[in-house]
Amino acid sequence: MSTEVENARTVEEIAAIDELRSLILLRFPEATFHVEHGIDDPEAIHLVTTIDSDDAVDLLEYVLDRQMQMQIEEGIPIFIIPTGLSRASSKDQATLAARSEALLSEPTS
């Protein structure tokens, strides 16, 4: 049994993991993955994605809309966690921080 299947609880979660992994591999064919549950929120699924650290911001921007759609519309608590982000340039970190801030300030309905 694969790690993804062991760490997912429903068919929908398995499908979400597979979809995001396939989407990421289209743009980042060197990416590798593993699945974890959140420490603070065991219901959360973390798709830990290892890519070149210079691509971390691009990765998040590339999948963010679909990830948010899965979370909000489909009720799947899935998050892409890129590894190597700490090695990203300060410009990339600032861009990611600004994007996160903008998302947090958007009204929810």
N, C-alpha and C. Protein backbone atom coordinates (compact mmCIF):
# COMPACT_ATOMS: atom_id res chain seq x y z
N MET A 1 0.85 -1.17 0.00
CA MET A 1 0.00 0.00 0.00
C MET A 1 0.90 1.24 0.00
N SER A 2 0.58 2.20 -0.85
CA SER A 2 1.43 3.39 -0.94
C SER A 2 1.21 4.31 0.24
N THR A 3 2.17 5.20 0.46
CA THR A 3 2.06 6.18 1.55
C THR A 3 0.82 7.03 1.37
N GLU A 4 0.52 7.41 0.12
CA GLU A 4 -0.64 8.26 -0.13
C GLU A 4 -1.92 7.57 0.33
N VAL A 5 -2.05 6.30 0.01
CA VAL A 5 -3.25 5.57 0.39
C VAL A 5 -3.31 5.40 1.90
N GLU A 6 -2.18 5.12 2.53
CA GLU A 6 -2.15 4.94 3.98
C GLU A 6 -2.53 6.22 4.71
N ASN A 7 -2.12 7.38 4.18
CA ASN A 7 -2.35 8.64 4.86
C ASN A 7 -3.63 9.35 4.45
N ALA A 8 -4.33 8.85 3.48
CA ALA A 8 -5.61 9.43 3.08
C ALA A 8 -6.73 8.59 3.68
N ARG A 9 -7.82 9.25 3.97
CA ARG A 9 -8.92 8.55 4.62
C ARG A 9 -10.07 8.24 3.69
N THR A 10 -10.20 8.97 2.61
CA THR A 10 -11.35 8.78 1.72
C THR A 10 -10.89 8.66 0.27
N VAL A 11 -11.79 8.17 -0.55
CA VAL A 11 -11.52 8.09 -1.98
C VAL A 11 -11.28 9.49 -2.55
N GLU A 12 -12.03 10.47 -2.06
CA GLU A 12 -11.88 11.85 -2.52
C GLU A 12 -10.49 12.40 -2.19
N GLU A 13 -9.99 12.07 -1.01
CA GLU A 13 -8.65 12.53 -0.62
C GLU A 13 -7.58 11.88 -1.50
N ILE A 14 -7.73 10.61 -1.77
CA ILE A 14 -6.78 9.92 -2.64
C ILE A 14 -6.80 10.54 -4.03
N ALA A 15 -8.00 10.82 -4.54
CA ALA A 15 -8.12 11.45 -5.86
C ALA A 15 -7.50 12.84 -5.87
N ALA A 16 -7.68 13.60 -4.78
CA ALA A 16 -7.10 14.95 -4.70
C ALA A 16 -5.58 14.88 -4.69
N ILE A 17 -5.02 13.96 -3.94
CA ILE A 17 -3.57 13.78 -3.90
C ILE A 17 -3.06 13.44 -5.29
N ASP A 18 -3.70 12.48 -5.95
CA ASP A 18 -3.27 12.08 -7.29
C ASP A 18 -3.39 13.22 -8.29
N GLU A 19 -4.48 13.98 -8.21
CA GLU A 19 -4.67 15.10 -9.14
C GLU A 19 -3.61 16.17 -8.95
N LEU A 20 -3.36 16.56 -7.71
CA LEU A 20 -2.35 17.60 -7.47
C LEU A 20 -0.96 17.11 -7.84
N ARG A 21 -0.67 15.86 -7.54
CA ARG A 21 0.64 15.31 -7.90
C ARG A 21 0.81 15.32 -9.42
N SER A 22 -0.21 14.91 -10.15
CA SER A 22 -0.14 14.91 -11.62
C SER A 22 0.01 16.32 -12.17
N LEU A 23 -0.74 17.26 -11.60
CA LEU A 23 -0.65 18.65 -12.03
C LEU A 23 0.76 19.21 -11.81
N ILE A 24 1.31 18.94 -10.65
CA ILE A 24 2.66 19.43 -10.34
C ILE A 24 3.69 18.80 -11.27
N LEU A 25 3.56 17.51 -11.53
CA LEU A 25 4.54 16.83 -12.39
C LEU A 25 4.53 17.35 -13.82
N LEU A 26 3.40 17.90 -14.26
CA LEU A 26 3.36 18.48 -15.61
C LEU A 26 4.34 19.64 -15.74
N ARG A 27 4.46 20.42 -14.69
CA ARG A 27 5.34 21.60 -14.73
C ARG A 27 6.69 21.36 -14.07
N PHE A 28 6.72 20.47 -13.09
CA PHE A 28 7.94 20.19 -12.34
C PHE A 28 8.19 18.67 -12.35
N PRO A 29 8.66 18.14 -13.48
CA PRO A 29 8.79 16.68 -13.61
C PRO A 29 9.78 16.05 -12.64
N GLU A 30 10.64 16.85 -12.05
CA GLU A 30 11.63 16.32 -11.09
C GLU A 30 11.07 16.23 -9.67
N ALA A 31 9.85 16.69 -9.47
CA ALA A 31 9.27 16.72 -8.12
C ALA A 31 9.10 15.31 -7.55
N THR A 32 9.29 15.24 -6.24
CA THR A 32 8.99 14.01 -5.50
C THR A 32 8.02 14.38 -4.38
N PHE A 33 7.31 13.39 -3.87
CA PHE A 33 6.22 13.65 -2.94
C PHE A 33 6.21 12.67 -1.78
N HIS A 34 5.66 13.13 -0.68
CA HIS A 34 5.18 12.23 0.37
C HIS A 34 4.03 12.94 1.09
N VAL A 35 3.21 12.16 1.73
CA VAL A 35 1.99 12.68 2.36
C VAL A 35 2.11 12.55 3.87
N GLU A 36 1.74 13.62 4.54
CA GLU A 36 1.71 13.64 6.01
C GLU A 36 0.40 14.25 6.46
N HIS A 37 0.09 14.07 7.72
CA HIS A 37 -1.04 14.78 8.31
C HIS A 37 -0.50 15.93 9.14
N GLY A 38 -1.31 16.97 9.27
CA GLY A 38 -0.89 18.13 10.04
C GLY A 38 -0.67 17.76 11.50
N ILE A 39 0.30 18.39 12.11
CA ILE A 39 0.58 18.15 13.53
C ILE A 39 -0.51 18.80 14.38
N ASP A 40 -0.82 20.06 14.07
CA ASP A 40 -1.86 20.78 14.82
C ASP A 40 -3.26 20.39 14.39
N ASP A 41 -3.39 19.92 13.16
CA ASP A 41 -4.69 19.53 12.61
C ASP A 41 -4.55 18.19 11.91
N PRO A 42 -4.78 17.10 12.62
CA PRO A 42 -4.59 15.78 12.03
C PRO A 42 -5.51 15.48 10.85
N GLU A 43 -6.56 16.28 10.68
CA GLU A 43 -7.44 16.11 9.52
C GLU A 43 -6.80 16.65 8.25
N ALA A 44 -5.84 17.56 8.39
CA ALA A 44 -5.20 18.19 7.24
C ALA A 44 -4.26 17.20 6.55
N ILE A 45 -4.27 17.25 5.24
CA ILE A 45 -3.38 16.42 4.43
C ILE A 45 -2.30 17.34 3.88
N HIS A 46 -1.05 17.00 4.13
CA HIS A 46 0.07 17.78 3.61
C HIS A 46 0.73 16.97 2.50
N LEU A 47 0.65 17.50 1.28
CA LEU A 47 1.36 16.89 0.16
C LEU A 47 2.72 17.57 0.11
N VAL A 48 3.70 16.96 0.77
CA VAL A 48 5.04 17.53 0.85
C VAL A 48 5.72 17.27 -0.49
N THR A 49 6.12 18.37 -1.13
CA THR A 49 6.64 18.31 -2.49
C THR A 49 8.07 18.81 -2.51
N THR A 50 8.97 17.96 -2.93
CA THR A 50 10.38 18.33 -3.00
C THR A 50 10.71 18.73 -4.43
N ILE A 51 11.13 19.98 -4.58
CA ILE A 51 11.55 20.51 -5.88
C ILE A 51 12.75 21.41 -5.64
N ASP A 52 13.33 21.90 -6.72
CA ASP A 52 14.41 22.88 -6.61
C ASP A 52 13.88 24.06 -5.82
N SER A 53 14.61 24.47 -4.80
CA SER A 53 14.12 25.53 -3.92
C SER A 53 13.83 26.83 -4.66
N ASP A 54 14.49 27.06 -5.79
CA ASP A 54 14.22 28.27 -6.55
C ASP A 54 12.82 28.27 -7.16
N ASP A 55 12.19 27.10 -7.24
CA ASP A 55 10.87 26.98 -7.85
C ASP A 55 9.73 26.96 -6.84
N ALA A 56 10.01 27.13 -5.57
CA ALA A 56 8.98 26.98 -4.54
C ALA A 56 7.82 27.95 -4.72
N VAL A 57 8.11 29.20 -4.97
CA VAL A 57 7.04 30.19 -5.15
C VAL A 57 6.26 29.88 -6.41
N ASP A 58 6.96 29.52 -7.49
CA ASP A 58 6.28 29.16 -8.73
C ASP A 58 5.35 27.97 -8.52
N LEU A 59 5.80 27.00 -7.75
CA LEU A 59 4.97 25.83 -7.46
C LEU A 59 3.68 26.24 -6.77
N LEU A 60 3.80 27.04 -5.72
CA LEU A 60 2.61 27.44 -4.97
C LEU A 60 1.66 28.27 -5.82
N GLU A 61 2.20 29.17 -6.61
CA GLU A 61 1.34 29.97 -7.49
C GLU A 61 0.67 29.10 -8.54
N TYR A 62 1.36 28.09 -9.01
CA TYR A 62 0.85 27.20 -10.05
C TYR A 62 -0.34 26.37 -9.55
N VAL A 63 -0.32 25.91 -8.32
CA VAL A 63 -1.36 25.00 -7.83
C VAL A 63 -2.34 25.65 -6.86
N LEU A 64 -2.10 26.89 -6.48
CA LEU A 64 -2.90 27.51 -5.43
C LEU A 64 -4.39 27.53 -5.72
N ASP A 65 -4.77 27.91 -6.93
CA ASP A 65 -6.20 27.99 -7.24
C ASP A 65 -6.89 26.64 -7.09
N ARG A 66 -6.26 25.59 -7.60
CA ARG A 66 -6.87 24.26 -7.50
C ARG A 66 -6.87 23.77 -6.06
N GLN A 67 -5.80 24.02 -5.34
CA GLN A 67 -5.76 23.63 -3.93
C GLN A 67 -6.88 24.31 -3.16
N MET A 68 -7.07 25.61 -3.38
CA MET A 68 -8.13 26.35 -2.68
C MET A 68 -9.51 25.83 -3.08
N GLN A 69 -9.69 25.51 -4.34
CA GLN A 69 -10.97 24.97 -4.80
C GLN A 69 -11.27 23.64 -4.09
N MET A 70 -10.25 22.80 -3.96
CA MET A 70 -10.43 21.53 -3.25
C MET A 70 -10.81 21.78 -1.79
N GLN A 71 -10.16 22.75 -1.18
CA GLN A 71 -10.42 23.04 0.23
C GLN A 71 -11.82 23.62 0.43
N ILE A 72 -12.17 24.62 -0.35
CA ILE A 72 -13.41 25.37 -0.13
C ILE A 72 -14.63 24.66 -0.71
N GLU A 73 -14.54 24.30 -1.98
CA GLU A 73 -15.71 23.75 -2.66
C GLU A 73 -15.90 22.26 -2.41
N GLU A 74 -14.79 21.54 -2.26
CA GLU A 74 -14.89 20.09 -2.12
C GLU A 74 -14.69 19.61 -0.68
N GLY A 75 -14.29 20.52 0.20
CA GLY A 75 -14.14 20.17 1.61
C GLY A 75 -12.97 19.25 1.91
N ILE A 76 -11.95 19.26 1.06
CA ILE A 76 -10.78 18.40 1.27
C ILE A 76 -9.67 19.26 1.87
N PRO A 77 -9.25 18.96 3.08
CA PRO A 77 -8.24 19.79 3.76
C PRO A 77 -6.82 19.45 3.31
N ILE A 78 -6.50 19.81 2.08
CA ILE A 78 -5.20 19.45 1.50
C ILE A 78 -4.34 20.69 1.30
N PHE A 79 -3.06 20.54 1.59
CA PHE A 79 -2.11 21.65 1.49
C PHE A 79 -0.84 21.16 0.81
N ILE A 80 -0.34 21.96 -0.13
CA ILE A 80 0.94 21.67 -0.75
C ILE A 80 2.02 22.28 0.14
N ILE A 81 3.00 21.48 0.52
CA ILE A 81 4.10 21.95 1.36
C ILE A 81 5.39 21.75 0.57
N PRO A 82 5.91 22.82 -0.05
CA PRO A 82 7.17 22.66 -0.79
C PRO A 82 8.35 22.60 0.18
N THR A 83 9.25 21.68 -0.06
CA THR A 83 10.46 21.63 0.76
C THR A 83 11.52 22.49 0.11
N GLY A 84 12.47 22.93 0.90
CA GLY A 84 13.54 23.77 0.39
C GLY A 84 13.18 25.24 0.33
N LEU A 85 12.01 25.61 0.80
CA LEU A 85 11.58 27.01 0.74
C LEU A 85 12.53 27.91 1.52
N SER A 86 13.12 27.40 2.59
CA SER A 86 14.01 28.23 3.39
C SER A 86 15.25 28.65 2.61
N ARG A 87 15.57 27.91 1.56
CA ARG A 87 16.72 28.27 0.73
C ARG A 87 16.34 29.21 -0.40
N ALA A 88 15.06 29.52 -0.54
CA ALA A 88 14.62 30.42 -1.59
C ALA A 88 15.17 31.82 -1.33
N SER A 89 15.27 32.59 -2.37
CA SER A 89 15.80 33.94 -2.23
C SER A 89 14.87 34.79 -1.37
N SER A 90 15.41 35.85 -0.81
CA SER A 90 14.59 36.72 0.02
C SER A 90 13.48 37.36 -0.81
N LYS A 91 13.74 37.60 -2.10
CA LYS A 91 12.70 38.14 -2.97
C LYS A 91 11.55 37.15 -3.10
N ASP A 92 11.87 35.86 -3.29
CA ASP A 92 10.83 34.84 -3.39
C ASP A 92 10.06 34.72 -2.08
N GLN A 93 10.76 34.79 -0.96
CA GLN A 93 10.09 34.71 0.33
C GLN A 93 9.16 35.90 0.52
N ALA A 94 9.59 37.08 0.10
CA ALA A 94 8.75 38.28 0.21
C ALA A 94 7.52 38.15 -0.68
N THR A 95 7.70 37.62 -1.88
CA THR A 95 6.58 37.41 -2.79
C THR A 95 5.57 36.45 -2.19
N LEU A 96 6.06 35.35 -1.65
CA LEU A 96 5.18 34.36 -1.03
C LEU A 96 4.46 34.95 0.18
N ALA A 97 5.17 35.70 1.00
CA ALA A 97 4.56 36.32 2.17
C ALA A 97 3.47 37.30 1.76
N ALA A 98 3.72 38.09 0.72
CA ALA A 98 2.72 39.05 0.24
C ALA A 98 1.50 38.32 -0.29
N ARG A 99 1.72 37.25 -1.03
CA ARG A 99 0.60 36.47 -1.58
C ARG A 99 -0.22 35.85 -0.45
N SER A 100 0.45 35.31 0.55
CA SER A 100 -0.25 34.72 1.70
C SER A 100 -1.05 35.77 2.44
N GLU A 101 -0.45 36.94 2.63
CA GLU A 101 -1.14 38.04 3.31
C GLU A 101 -2.39 38.44 2.55
N ALA A 102 -2.29 38.51 1.22
CA ALA A 102 -3.44 38.87 0.41
C ALA A 102 -4.56 37.84 0.54
N LEU A 103 -4.19 36.57 0.56
CA LEU A 103 -5.19 35.51 0.70
C LEU A 103 -5.87 35.57 2.05
N LEU A 104 -5.10 35.84 3.08
CA LEU A 104 -5.67 35.90 4.43
C LEU A 104 -6.60 37.09 4.60
N SER A 105 -6.36 38.16 3.85
CA SER A 105 -7.19 39.35 4.00
C SER A 105 -8.44 39.32 3.13
N GLU A 106 -8.55 38.33 2.22
CA GLU A 106 -9.74 38.23 1.37
C GLU A 106 -10.92 37.80 2.22
N PRO A 107 -12.08 38.43 1.99
CA PRO A 107 -13.26 38.04 2.75
C PRO A 107 -13.71 36.63 2.35
N THR A 108 -14.19 35.89 3.31
CA THR A 108 -14.73 34.56 3.03
C THR A 108 -16.24 34.66 3.00
N SER A 109 -16.83 33.83 2.17
CA SER A 109 -18.30 33.86 2.11
C SER A 109 -18.88 32.52 2.39
